[in-house]
């Protein structure tokens, strides 16, 4: 967690502090491989694809069943700093949880700047409500990576959610507003205040595991540490899960593998 206080960084330095792709050599190749694996997975595995939860083009979810009646559901929200990627490119992550007896949904959402951050964040509760009604799981675990980790943390206040797994997330948007990422996000001060999970810890919630790769950028590690400490400090249940040897991208393999640390964490959360 080395690194200086973000408040003392200029825009260029702070932008670099959140530039995950620039920090990890081979990140583009990793994501291209994940998209290819996901396309193969969607082609080979039967699932309920593009189920609408709203009128927007991206307001859809995919649902994959493990084949066990009454299985818990893991609802995964993709990353891309709220402005890139789609649910289809992360379908391969379902392989690990499905092999361990969990149903898996991947949630799409409208990207910035087509949507404001306020509108984007409002889509996730709608998706979870539709998922709960459609799939009827006995237990729903919301999860997400990077920007999806932020959205999963916000969703812990939703009545549909029983537990959460936030991976490599951003839990305070204040630093983001001072980076080049904000060129597309166009965050307002009110949005930073209203949509930063660390500023809105629920009074009651199920357990939340905050996970991150130990080799991630210091700012990403700090975000996870500070948020989980605040969560635990209010008496809410959960834990911090640093993954040794993983960076912001390789951490995803910990969910794609049936024996991965994130798959194990999801299983613990799903079985209560």
Protein backbone atom coordinates (compact mmCIF):
# COMPACT_ATOMS: atom_id res chain seq x y z
CA UNK A 1 0.00 0.00 0.00
CA UNK A 2 2.90 2.31 -0.61
CA UNK A 3 2.28 5.62 -2.28
CA UNK A 4 1.50 9.20 -1.44
CA UNK A 5 -1.77 10.85 -0.53
CA UNK A 6 -3.84 11.23 -3.69
CA UNK A 7 -4.87 14.73 -2.61
CA UNK A 8 -1.32 15.91 -3.20
CA UNK A 9 -1.06 14.47 -6.72
CA UNK A 10 -1.54 16.57 -9.85
CA UNK A 11 -3.96 15.35 -12.54
CA UNK A 12 -1.34 13.54 -14.59
CA UNK A 13 0.13 11.72 -11.58
CA UNK A 14 -3.28 10.78 -10.24
CA UNK A 15 -4.42 9.57 -13.66
CA UNK A 16 -1.38 7.30 -13.82
CA UNK A 17 -2.16 6.06 -10.30
CA UNK A 18 -5.47 4.68 -11.65
CA UNK A 19 -4.21 3.54 -15.06
CA UNK A 20 -4.51 -0.22 -14.59
CA UNK A 21 -3.99 -1.03 -18.27
CA UNK A 22 -0.83 1.07 -18.44
CA UNK A 23 0.52 -0.49 -15.25
CA UNK A 24 0.21 -4.12 -16.37
CA UNK A 25 2.22 -5.28 -19.37
CA UNK A 26 0.11 -7.63 -21.45
CA UNK A 27 -3.21 -6.40 -20.08
CA UNK A 28 -4.64 -5.93 -23.57
CA UNK A 29 -3.69 -9.47 -24.52
CA UNK A 30 -5.20 -10.79 -21.29
CA UNK A 31 -8.52 -9.06 -21.94
CA UNK A 32 -8.54 -10.19 -25.58
CA UNK A 33 -8.01 -13.77 -24.40
CA UNK A 34 -10.81 -13.41 -21.85
CA UNK A 35 -13.19 -12.15 -24.55
CA UNK A 36 -12.27 -15.10 -26.79
CA UNK A 37 -12.75 -17.58 -23.95
CA UNK A 38 -16.06 -15.94 -23.12
CA UNK A 39 -17.29 -16.13 -26.71
CA UNK A 40 -16.42 -19.83 -26.79
CA UNK A 41 -18.17 -20.35 -23.47
CA UNK A 42 -21.35 -18.61 -24.65
CA UNK A 43 -21.32 -20.66 -27.86
CA UNK A 44 -20.81 -23.99 -26.10
CA UNK A 45 -22.89 -23.56 -22.96
CA UNK A 46 -26.65 -23.23 -22.94
CA UNK A 47 -27.91 -20.21 -21.07
CA UNK A 48 -30.65 -17.63 -20.98
CA UNK A 49 -29.05 -14.76 -22.87
CA UNK A 50 -29.93 -11.07 -23.06
CA UNK A 51 -32.87 -11.14 -20.65
CA UNK A 52 -34.11 -7.53 -20.43
CA UNK A 53 -34.47 -5.71 -17.12
CA UNK A 54 -35.15 -2.32 -18.73
CA UNK A 55 -35.66 -0.64 -22.07
CA UNK A 56 -32.01 0.28 -22.71
CA UNK A 57 -29.92 -1.65 -25.23
CA UNK A 58 -27.44 -2.76 -22.56
CA UNK A 59 -30.03 -3.32 -19.83
CA UNK A 60 -29.78 -7.08 -20.15
CA UNK A 61 -28.43 -9.99 -18.17
CA UNK A 62 -27.29 -13.49 -19.09
CA UNK A 63 -28.14 -16.40 -16.79
CA UNK A 64 -26.27 -19.70 -16.70
CA UNK A 65 -27.57 -22.58 -14.60
CA UNK A 66 -25.32 -25.13 -12.92
CA UNK A 67 -28.01 -27.81 -13.15
CA UNK A 68 -28.62 -28.14 -9.42
CA UNK A 69 -32.18 -27.26 -8.34
CA UNK A 70 -32.33 -24.46 -5.79
CA UNK A 71 -28.75 -23.32 -6.42
CA UNK A 72 -27.58 -19.97 -5.05
CA UNK A 73 -26.95 -17.24 -7.60
CA UNK A 74 -23.78 -15.23 -8.20
CA UNK A 75 -24.58 -11.99 -10.04
CA UNK A 76 -21.44 -10.54 -11.65
CA UNK A 77 -21.01 -6.93 -12.83
CA UNK A 78 -18.24 -6.31 -15.36
CA UNK A 79 -15.57 -3.62 -15.15
CA UNK A 80 -14.06 -1.09 -17.54
CA UNK A 81 -14.09 2.14 -15.54
CA UNK A 82 -17.83 2.58 -16.24
CA UNK A 83 -17.12 3.35 -19.91
CA UNK A 84 -15.82 0.15 -21.57
CA UNK A 85 -16.55 -3.55 -22.05
CA UNK A 86 -19.76 -5.56 -21.86
CA UNK A 87 -21.19 -8.54 -20.03
CA UNK A 88 -20.53 -10.98 -22.88
CA UNK A 89 -16.77 -10.47 -22.59
CA UNK A 90 -16.76 -11.81 -19.03
CA UNK A 91 -18.88 -14.94 -19.49
CA UNK A 92 -15.89 -17.25 -19.00
CA UNK A 93 -15.75 -16.19 -15.35
CA UNK A 94 -18.88 -18.27 -14.81
CA UNK A 95 -16.91 -21.47 -15.35
CA UNK A 96 -15.51 -21.63 -11.82
CA UNK A 97 -18.71 -20.93 -9.85
CA UNK A 98 -20.83 -23.15 -12.13
CA UNK A 99 -18.49 -26.06 -11.48
CA UNK A 100 -18.96 -25.53 -7.74
CA UNK A 101 -22.75 -25.56 -7.79
CA UNK A 102 -23.65 -21.90 -8.22
CA UNK A 103 -25.86 -20.40 -10.89
CA UNK A 104 -24.23 -17.34 -12.47
CA UNK A 105 -25.64 -14.18 -14.03
CA UNK A 106 -23.64 -11.51 -15.82
CA UNK A 107 -25.19 -8.04 -15.78
CA UNK A 108 -24.92 -5.42 -18.52
CA UNK A 109 -25.44 -1.69 -18.03
CA UNK A 110 -25.37 1.54 -20.02
CA UNK A 111 -21.89 3.03 -20.26
CA UNK A 112 -20.73 6.58 -19.66
CA UNK A 113 -20.94 9.11 -21.24
CA UNK A 114 -24.15 7.81 -22.84
CA UNK A 115 -25.48 7.52 -19.28
CA UNK A 116 -24.60 9.71 -16.34
CA UNK A 117 -23.05 7.95 -13.37
CA UNK A 118 -26.29 8.52 -11.48
CA UNK A 119 -28.36 6.79 -14.17
CA UNK A 120 -25.81 3.98 -14.55
CA UNK A 121 -25.78 3.21 -10.82
CA UNK A 122 -29.58 3.11 -10.74
CA UNK A 123 -29.58 0.32 -13.32
CA UNK A 124 -27.94 -2.25 -11.04
CA UNK A 125 -30.71 -2.41 -8.41
CA UNK A 126 -33.21 -2.78 -11.25
CA UNK A 127 -31.17 -5.65 -12.67
CA UNK A 128 -30.92 -7.40 -9.31
CA UNK A 129 -34.65 -7.05 -8.71
CA UNK A 130 -35.38 -8.56 -12.11
CA UNK A 131 -32.85 -11.34 -11.52
CA UNK A 132 -34.34 -12.24 -8.17
CA UNK A 133 -37.81 -12.41 -9.70
CA UNK A 134 -36.66 -14.35 -12.78
CA UNK A 135 -34.27 -16.86 -11.21
CA UNK A 136 -35.77 -17.17 -7.72
CA UNK A 137 -32.52 -18.11 -5.97
CA UNK A 138 -32.52 -18.98 -2.26
CA UNK A 139 -29.48 -16.72 -1.87
CA UNK A 140 -28.04 -14.01 -4.14
CA UNK A 141 -24.41 -12.89 -4.00
CA UNK A 142 -23.59 -9.72 -5.92
CA UNK A 143 -20.07 -9.45 -7.27
CA UNK A 144 -18.11 -7.24 -9.61
CA UNK A 145 -14.62 -6.33 -10.72
CA UNK A 146 -13.04 -2.87 -10.97
CA UNK A 147 -15.93 -0.50 -11.80
CA UNK A 148 -18.15 -3.51 -11.17
CA UNK A 149 -16.64 -3.75 -7.68
CA UNK A 150 -17.85 -0.22 -7.04
CA UNK A 151 -21.33 -1.10 -8.33
CA UNK A 152 -21.44 -4.30 -6.27
CA UNK A 153 -20.54 -2.38 -3.12
CA UNK A 154 -23.34 0.11 -3.76
CA UNK A 155 -25.73 -2.80 -4.29
CA UNK A 156 -25.12 -4.18 -0.80
CA UNK A 157 -27.97 -1.94 0.37
CA UNK A 158 -30.45 -3.63 -2.02
CA UNK A 159 -33.00 -5.95 -0.38
CA UNK A 160 -32.37 -8.58 -3.07
CA UNK A 161 -28.74 -9.01 -1.98
CA UNK A 162 -27.69 -11.54 0.67
CA UNK A 163 -23.90 -11.14 0.39
CA UNK A 164 -21.25 -9.49 -1.76
CA UNK A 165 -17.82 -9.98 -3.33
CA UNK A 166 -16.27 -6.71 -4.51
CA UNK A 167 -13.06 -7.29 -6.49
CA UNK A 168 -10.47 -4.57 -7.18
CA UNK A 169 -13.09 -1.89 -6.76
CA UNK A 170 -13.17 1.89 -6.40
CA UNK A 171 -15.09 2.84 -3.29
CA UNK A 172 -14.45 6.58 -3.13
CA UNK A 173 -15.04 8.46 -6.38
CA UNK A 174 -13.34 11.66 -5.25
CA UNK A 175 -9.92 10.78 -6.72
CA UNK A 176 -11.53 9.62 -9.99
CA UNK A 177 -13.05 13.06 -10.56
CA UNK A 178 -9.53 14.49 -10.74
CA UNK A 179 -8.25 12.03 -13.37
CA UNK A 180 -8.59 11.82 -17.14
CA UNK A 181 -11.19 9.11 -16.58
CA UNK A 182 -13.57 11.94 -15.74
CA UNK A 183 -13.49 13.18 -19.33
CA UNK A 184 -16.13 10.51 -20.05
CA UNK A 185 -17.66 10.18 -16.59
CA UNK A 186 -18.27 13.91 -16.00
CA UNK A 187 -18.79 13.35 -12.30
CA UNK A 188 -20.40 16.12 -10.30
CA UNK A 189 -19.58 16.87 -6.68
CA UNK A 190 -23.06 15.66 -5.77
CA UNK A 191 -22.45 12.35 -7.56
CA UNK A 192 -19.16 11.83 -5.75
CA UNK A 193 -20.99 12.35 -2.46
CA UNK A 194 -24.01 10.22 -3.35
CA UNK A 195 -22.35 7.35 -5.23
CA UNK A 196 -19.18 6.62 -3.23
CA UNK A 197 -19.88 3.42 -1.27
CA UNK A 198 -17.56 4.45 1.56
CA UNK A 199 -19.80 7.45 2.21
CA UNK A 200 -22.96 5.37 2.38
CA UNK A 201 -22.33 2.29 4.48
CA UNK A 202 -25.63 0.47 5.09
CA UNK A 203 -27.01 0.14 8.60
CA UNK A 204 -27.53 -3.57 7.98
CA UNK A 205 -26.16 -5.85 5.29
CA UNK A 206 -25.01 -9.36 4.63
CA UNK A 207 -21.31 -10.28 4.58
CA UNK A 208 -19.05 -8.52 2.10
CA UNK A 209 -15.65 -9.79 0.99
CA UNK A 210 -13.40 -7.07 -0.44
CA UNK A 211 -10.78 -8.71 -2.64
CA UNK A 212 -7.87 -7.33 -4.64
CA UNK A 213 -4.63 -8.44 -6.23
CA UNK A 214 -1.64 -7.74 -4.02
CA UNK A 215 0.25 -6.64 -7.13
CA UNK A 216 -2.25 -3.94 -8.07
CA UNK A 217 -1.54 -0.24 -8.19
CA UNK A 218 -1.14 1.27 -4.70
CA UNK A 219 -4.26 3.42 -5.12
CA UNK A 220 -6.41 0.36 -5.90
CA UNK A 221 -4.98 -1.49 -2.90
CA UNK A 222 -5.60 1.56 -0.71
CA UNK A 223 -9.20 1.85 -1.86
CA UNK A 224 -9.89 -1.75 -0.84
CA UNK A 225 -8.13 -1.44 2.52
CA UNK A 226 -9.82 1.80 3.50
CA UNK A 227 -13.26 0.66 2.43
CA UNK A 228 -13.10 -2.70 4.16
CA UNK A 229 -11.81 -1.04 7.34
CA UNK A 230 -14.74 1.40 7.26
CA UNK A 231 -17.17 -1.47 6.62
CA UNK A 232 -15.81 -3.53 9.50
CA UNK A 233 -15.59 -0.45 11.70
CA UNK A 234 -19.37 -0.09 11.68
CA UNK A 235 -19.78 -3.70 12.78
CA UNK A 236 -20.86 -4.99 9.37
CA UNK A 237 -19.78 -8.58 8.58
CA UNK A 238 -17.10 -9.33 6.03
CA UNK A 239 -13.40 -9.66 5.37
CA UNK A 240 -10.47 -8.45 3.29
CA UNK A 241 -9.00 -10.87 0.75
CA UNK A 242 -5.63 -9.88 -0.72
CA UNK A 243 -4.55 -12.25 -3.49
CA UNK A 244 -0.80 -12.68 -3.53
CA UNK A 245 0.81 -12.79 -6.97
CA UNK A 246 -2.16 -11.30 -8.81
CA UNK A 247 -2.51 -7.95 -10.56
CA UNK A 248 -5.64 -6.10 -11.61
CA UNK A 249 -6.24 -8.49 -14.50
CA UNK A 250 -4.91 -11.89 -13.45
CA UNK A 251 -7.12 -11.67 -10.38
CA UNK A 252 -10.00 -12.59 -12.71
CA UNK A 253 -8.56 -16.07 -13.18
CA UNK A 254 -9.28 -16.64 -9.51
CA UNK A 255 -12.98 -16.72 -10.44
CA UNK A 256 -12.70 -18.49 -13.78
CA UNK A 257 -11.03 -21.48 -12.10
CA UNK A 258 -13.16 -23.86 -10.02
CA UNK A 259 -10.39 -23.92 -7.39
CA UNK A 260 -9.69 -20.17 -7.57
CA UNK A 261 -9.68 -18.03 -4.45
CA UNK A 262 -12.57 -15.88 -5.71
CA UNK A 263 -14.62 -18.95 -6.57
CA UNK A 264 -13.99 -20.24 -3.05
CA UNK A 265 -15.01 -16.87 -1.58
CA UNK A 266 -18.19 -16.81 -3.68
CA UNK A 267 -19.06 -20.31 -2.51
CA UNK A 268 -18.61 -19.37 1.15
CA UNK A 269 -20.79 -16.30 0.72
CA UNK A 270 -23.41 -18.24 -1.24
CA UNK A 271 -23.77 -20.96 1.36
CA UNK A 272 -24.00 -18.54 4.27
